[in-house]
Amino acid sequence: MMQGQDWEQVVFRKKQPINREVQKFISEKIPKYIENLNNYKSEETALKRFDTQFIKDVINARIQKKWTQKDLSMHMNVSVSRINNFEQHKEVYDAQFKNKLNNILFR
């Protein structure tokens, strides 16, 4: 007849209510955990960004070459949005990306 069919029975069950011990744990521990996360120093978790002066130099070099962000992205083989994020200081530091910029704009 029909080969390759999955005829296993599927059984749907209601969710079991949460155990009281689990509810107690959630009500006591989770708010403390969230508070600890909020108090964690943001400087320690901040991602490294590109130097502002380097970004300005890249923008000036791009403008001197009369390139748009799209032109630069084509030369670097990256997306336009990545160049846009870089110029808006939203890009996380990436040594390979910086080397590509240096090779293309400052050689």
N, C-alpha and C. Protein backbone atom coordinates (compact mmCIF):
# COMPACT_ATOMS: atom_id res chain seq x y z
N MET A 1 0.83 -1.18 0.00
CA MET A 1 0.00 0.00 0.00
C MET A 1 0.88 1.25 0.00
N MET A 2 0.77 2.09 1.06
CA MET A 2 1.57 3.31 1.12
C MET A 2 2.84 3.02 1.92
N GLN A 3 3.93 3.06 1.20
CA GLN A 3 5.19 2.79 1.88
C GLN A 3 5.83 4.10 2.31
N GLY A 4 6.57 4.05 3.40
CA GLY A 4 7.25 5.23 3.87
C GLY A 4 6.39 6.14 4.73
N GLN A 5 5.19 5.69 5.06
CA GLN A 5 4.30 6.51 5.89
C GLN A 5 4.60 6.27 7.36
N ASP A 6 4.47 7.31 8.18
CA ASP A 6 4.66 7.22 9.61
C ASP A 6 3.29 7.12 10.26
N TRP A 7 2.96 5.94 10.73
CA TRP A 7 1.63 5.74 11.30
C TRP A 7 1.66 5.58 12.81
N GLU A 8 2.71 6.16 13.45
CA GLU A 8 2.76 6.04 14.90
C GLU A 8 1.69 6.92 15.53
N GLN A 9 1.14 6.42 16.60
CA GLN A 9 0.08 7.13 17.29
C GLN A 9 0.67 8.34 18.03
N VAL A 10 0.01 9.48 17.93
CA VAL A 10 0.42 10.69 18.62
C VAL A 10 -0.55 10.91 19.77
N VAL A 11 0.01 11.13 20.97
CA VAL A 11 -0.82 11.31 22.16
C VAL A 11 -0.56 12.72 22.70
N PHE A 12 -1.62 13.48 22.88
CA PHE A 12 -1.52 14.81 23.46
C PHE A 12 -1.91 14.73 24.93
N ARG A 13 -1.10 15.36 25.79
CA ARG A 13 -1.40 15.37 27.21
C ARG A 13 -1.40 16.80 27.72
N LYS A 14 -2.18 17.04 28.76
CA LYS A 14 -2.21 18.35 29.39
C LYS A 14 -0.90 18.57 30.14
N LYS A 15 -0.52 19.84 30.25
CA LYS A 15 0.66 20.17 31.03
C LYS A 15 0.39 19.87 32.49
N GLN A 16 1.42 19.35 33.14
CA GLN A 16 1.31 19.10 34.57
C GLN A 16 1.49 20.42 35.32
N PRO A 17 0.77 20.63 36.38
CA PRO A 17 0.95 21.86 37.15
C PRO A 17 2.36 21.91 37.75
N ILE A 18 2.87 23.12 37.94
CA ILE A 18 4.21 23.30 38.47
C ILE A 18 4.25 22.88 39.94
N ASN A 19 5.24 22.12 40.27
CA ASN A 19 5.45 21.65 41.62
C ASN A 19 5.64 22.84 42.56
N ARG A 20 5.18 22.73 43.80
CA ARG A 20 5.30 23.84 44.76
C ARG A 20 6.76 24.18 45.04
N GLU A 21 7.62 23.19 45.06
CA GLU A 21 9.04 23.44 45.30
C GLU A 21 9.63 24.26 44.15
N VAL A 22 9.21 23.96 42.95
CA VAL A 22 9.69 24.70 41.79
C VAL A 22 9.17 26.14 41.86
N GLN A 23 7.91 26.31 42.23
CA GLN A 23 7.35 27.65 42.36
C GLN A 23 8.11 28.45 43.42
N LYS A 24 8.44 27.82 44.52
CA LYS A 24 9.18 28.49 45.59
C LYS A 24 10.56 28.91 45.08
N PHE A 25 11.22 28.02 44.37
CA PHE A 25 12.54 28.33 43.82
C PHE A 25 12.46 29.53 42.87
N ILE A 26 11.47 29.51 42.00
CA ILE A 26 11.30 30.59 41.03
C ILE A 26 11.04 31.91 41.75
N SER A 27 10.17 31.89 42.74
CA SER A 27 9.82 33.14 43.42
C SER A 27 10.96 33.68 44.28
N GLU A 28 11.83 32.82 44.81
CA GLU A 28 12.91 33.27 45.69
C GLU A 28 14.21 33.54 44.95
N LYS A 29 14.61 32.65 44.08
CA LYS A 29 15.95 32.72 43.49
C LYS A 29 16.03 33.57 42.23
N ILE A 30 15.04 33.48 41.38
CA ILE A 30 15.10 34.18 40.09
C ILE A 30 15.20 35.69 40.26
N PRO A 31 14.38 36.35 41.11
CA PRO A 31 14.53 37.80 41.26
C PRO A 31 15.92 38.20 41.75
N LYS A 32 16.51 37.40 42.65
CA LYS A 32 17.87 37.69 43.14
C LYS A 32 18.88 37.56 42.00
N TYR A 33 18.71 36.54 41.18
CA TYR A 33 19.60 36.33 40.05
C TYR A 33 19.53 37.51 39.08
N ILE A 34 18.33 37.97 38.78
CA ILE A 34 18.14 39.10 37.87
C ILE A 34 18.75 40.37 38.48
N GLU A 35 18.56 40.55 39.79
CA GLU A 35 19.15 41.71 40.46
C GLU A 35 20.67 41.68 40.37
N ASN A 36 21.25 40.51 40.54
CA ASN A 36 22.71 40.38 40.42
C ASN A 36 23.17 40.71 39.01
N LEU A 37 22.42 40.30 38.02
CA LEU A 37 22.78 40.63 36.63
C LEU A 37 22.71 42.13 36.40
N ASN A 38 21.70 42.78 36.95
CA ASN A 38 21.56 44.22 36.79
C ASN A 38 22.68 44.98 37.48
N ASN A 39 23.18 44.45 38.59
CA ASN A 39 24.25 45.11 39.33
C ASN A 39 25.64 44.81 38.78
N TYR A 40 25.73 43.86 37.87
CA TYR A 40 27.02 43.48 37.31
C TYR A 40 27.60 44.67 36.55
N LYS A 41 28.87 44.93 36.73
CA LYS A 41 29.48 46.12 36.13
C LYS A 41 29.45 46.03 34.61
N SER A 42 28.88 47.05 33.98
CA SER A 42 28.75 47.04 32.53
C SER A 42 30.09 47.19 31.84
N GLU A 43 31.10 47.83 32.51
CA GLU A 43 32.41 47.98 31.87
C GLU A 43 33.05 46.63 31.62
N GLU A 44 32.82 45.68 32.51
CA GLU A 44 33.44 44.37 32.38
C GLU A 44 32.84 43.57 31.23
N THR A 45 31.59 43.84 30.90
CA THR A 45 30.93 43.07 29.86
C THR A 45 30.85 43.83 28.54
N ALA A 46 31.31 45.07 28.52
CA ALA A 46 31.22 45.87 27.30
C ALA A 46 32.09 45.27 26.20
N LEU A 47 31.57 45.27 24.99
CA LEU A 47 32.33 44.77 23.85
C LEU A 47 33.28 45.84 23.35
N LYS A 48 34.42 45.41 22.89
CA LYS A 48 35.40 46.35 22.38
C LYS A 48 34.91 46.90 21.04
N ARG A 49 35.00 48.20 20.87
CA ARG A 49 34.57 48.87 19.65
C ARG A 49 35.78 49.49 18.96
N PHE A 50 35.59 49.91 17.73
CA PHE A 50 36.65 50.59 17.00
C PHE A 50 36.88 51.97 17.58
N ASP A 51 38.11 52.44 17.49
CA ASP A 51 38.48 53.77 17.96
C ASP A 51 37.77 54.82 17.11
N THR A 52 37.25 55.85 17.76
CA THR A 52 36.51 56.91 17.06
C THR A 52 37.37 57.60 16.02
N GLN A 53 38.63 57.86 16.35
CA GLN A 53 39.52 58.53 15.40
C GLN A 53 39.76 57.66 14.16
N PHE A 54 39.89 56.35 14.35
CA PHE A 54 40.06 55.44 13.20
C PHE A 54 38.84 55.48 12.30
N ILE A 55 37.66 55.52 12.88
CA ILE A 55 36.42 55.58 12.09
C ILE A 55 36.40 56.88 11.27
N LYS A 56 36.76 58.00 11.91
CA LYS A 56 36.80 59.27 11.19
C LYS A 56 37.80 59.23 10.04
N ASP A 57 38.97 58.62 10.28
CA ASP A 57 39.98 58.50 9.23
C ASP A 57 39.47 57.67 8.06
N VAL A 58 38.75 56.59 8.36
CA VAL A 58 38.20 55.74 7.30
C VAL A 58 37.17 56.50 6.49
N ILE A 59 36.30 57.24 7.16
CA ILE A 59 35.27 58.02 6.46
C ILE A 59 35.93 59.06 5.56
N ASN A 60 36.94 59.76 6.09
CA ASN A 60 37.64 60.77 5.28
C ASN A 60 38.35 60.15 4.09
N ALA A 61 38.99 59.00 4.29
CA ALA A 61 39.68 58.33 3.18
C ALA A 61 38.68 57.87 2.12
N ARG A 62 37.53 57.38 2.57
CA ARG A 62 36.50 56.94 1.63
C ARG A 62 35.99 58.12 0.81
N ILE A 63 35.79 59.25 1.48
CA ILE A 63 35.28 60.45 0.79
C ILE A 63 36.34 60.99 -0.18
N GLN A 64 37.62 60.96 0.22
CA GLN A 64 38.68 61.43 -0.67
C GLN A 64 38.76 60.59 -1.94
N LYS A 65 38.48 59.30 -1.81
CA LYS A 65 38.46 58.43 -2.99
C LYS A 65 37.16 58.57 -3.78
N LYS A 66 36.24 59.38 -3.24
CA LYS A 66 34.91 59.60 -3.86
C LYS A 66 34.12 58.30 -3.95
N TRP A 67 34.22 57.50 -2.91
CA TRP A 67 33.49 56.25 -2.83
C TRP A 67 32.28 56.42 -1.93
N THR A 68 31.22 55.71 -2.27
CA THR A 68 30.07 55.61 -1.38
C THR A 68 30.31 54.43 -0.44
N GLN A 69 29.43 54.28 0.52
CA GLN A 69 29.52 53.10 1.39
C GLN A 69 29.37 51.83 0.57
N LYS A 70 28.55 51.89 -0.45
CA LYS A 70 28.34 50.73 -1.31
C LYS A 70 29.63 50.38 -2.06
N ASP A 71 30.34 51.40 -2.56
CA ASP A 71 31.61 51.15 -3.26
C ASP A 71 32.61 50.49 -2.32
N LEU A 72 32.73 51.01 -1.12
CA LEU A 72 33.67 50.44 -0.15
C LEU A 72 33.29 49.01 0.19
N SER A 73 32.01 48.77 0.36
CA SER A 73 31.56 47.40 0.69
C SER A 73 31.88 46.43 -0.44
N MET A 74 31.77 46.91 -1.68
CA MET A 74 32.10 46.04 -2.83
C MET A 74 33.59 45.74 -2.86
N HIS A 75 34.43 46.72 -2.57
CA HIS A 75 35.88 46.50 -2.56
C HIS A 75 36.30 45.56 -1.42
N MET A 76 35.59 45.64 -0.32
CA MET A 76 35.92 44.81 0.84
C MET A 76 35.20 43.47 0.83
N ASN A 77 34.21 43.32 -0.04
CA ASN A 77 33.42 42.10 -0.12
C ASN A 77 32.65 41.85 1.20
N VAL A 78 32.03 42.93 1.71
CA VAL A 78 31.17 42.84 2.89
C VAL A 78 29.86 43.55 2.55
N SER A 79 28.90 43.44 3.44
CA SER A 79 27.61 44.07 3.17
C SER A 79 27.68 45.58 3.43
N VAL A 80 26.80 46.31 2.78
CA VAL A 80 26.71 47.76 2.97
C VAL A 80 26.32 48.06 4.41
N SER A 81 25.45 47.25 4.98
CA SER A 81 25.02 47.49 6.35
C SER A 81 26.19 47.37 7.34
N ARG A 82 27.15 46.51 7.02
CA ARG A 82 28.32 46.39 7.91
C ARG A 82 29.15 47.67 7.86
N ILE A 83 29.32 48.25 6.67
CA ILE A 83 30.04 49.51 6.55
C ILE A 83 29.27 50.61 7.27
N ASN A 84 27.96 50.63 7.10
CA ASN A 84 27.11 51.62 7.75
C ASN A 84 27.22 51.50 9.28
N ASN A 85 27.14 50.28 9.79
CA ASN A 85 27.26 50.07 11.23
C ASN A 85 28.64 50.50 11.73
N PHE A 86 29.67 50.21 10.95
CA PHE A 86 31.02 50.62 11.32
C PHE A 86 31.11 52.14 11.43
N GLU A 87 30.60 52.84 10.44
CA GLU A 87 30.69 54.29 10.43
C GLU A 87 29.81 54.94 11.51
N GLN A 88 28.81 54.21 11.99
CA GLN A 88 27.96 54.72 13.07
C GLN A 88 28.45 54.25 14.44
N HIS A 89 29.63 53.64 14.47
CA HIS A 89 30.27 53.18 15.70
C HIS A 89 29.46 52.07 16.37
N LYS A 90 28.79 51.24 15.58
CA LYS A 90 28.01 50.12 16.12
C LYS A 90 28.71 48.79 15.90
N GLU A 91 29.76 48.77 15.12
CA GLU A 91 30.45 47.53 14.77
C GLU A 91 31.39 47.12 15.90
N VAL A 92 31.36 45.85 16.28
CA VAL A 92 32.27 45.30 17.28
C VAL A 92 33.65 45.16 16.64
N TYR A 93 34.69 45.42 17.43
CA TYR A 93 36.05 45.38 16.91
C TYR A 93 36.35 44.02 16.30
N ASP A 94 36.93 44.06 15.10
CA ASP A 94 37.32 42.87 14.37
C ASP A 94 38.64 43.18 13.67
N ALA A 95 39.72 42.50 14.06
CA ALA A 95 41.05 42.79 13.53
C ALA A 95 41.12 42.55 12.02
N GLN A 96 40.48 41.50 11.52
CA GLN A 96 40.50 41.22 10.08
C GLN A 96 39.81 42.34 9.30
N PHE A 97 38.69 42.82 9.84
CA PHE A 97 37.95 43.91 9.20
C PHE A 97 38.83 45.16 9.16
N LYS A 98 39.51 45.44 10.25
CA LYS A 98 40.39 46.61 10.32
C LYS A 98 41.53 46.47 9.31
N ASN A 99 42.11 45.29 9.21
CA ASN A 99 43.20 45.07 8.24
C ASN A 99 42.71 45.27 6.81
N LYS A 100 41.50 44.79 6.51
CA LYS A 100 40.94 44.99 5.17
C LYS A 100 40.78 46.48 4.87
N LEU A 101 40.25 47.22 5.85
CA LEU A 101 40.08 48.66 5.67
C LEU A 101 41.43 49.34 5.43
N ASN A 102 42.43 48.99 6.21
CA ASN A 102 43.76 49.57 6.05
C ASN A 102 44.34 49.26 4.68
N ASN A 103 44.21 48.02 4.24
CA ASN A 103 44.76 47.62 2.94
C ASN A 103 44.07 48.31 1.78
N ILE A 104 42.78 48.51 1.88
CA ILE A 104 42.03 49.08 0.77
C ILE A 104 42.11 50.61 0.75
N LEU A 105 42.04 51.24 1.90
CA LEU A 105 41.96 52.70 1.93
C LEU A 105 43.30 53.40 2.14
N PHE A 106 44.23 52.77 2.82
CA PHE A 106 45.44 53.48 3.22
C PHE A 106 46.73 52.93 2.62
N ARG A 107 46.64 52.15 1.56
CA ARG A 107 47.88 51.62 0.99
C ARG A 107 48.53 52.59 0.08
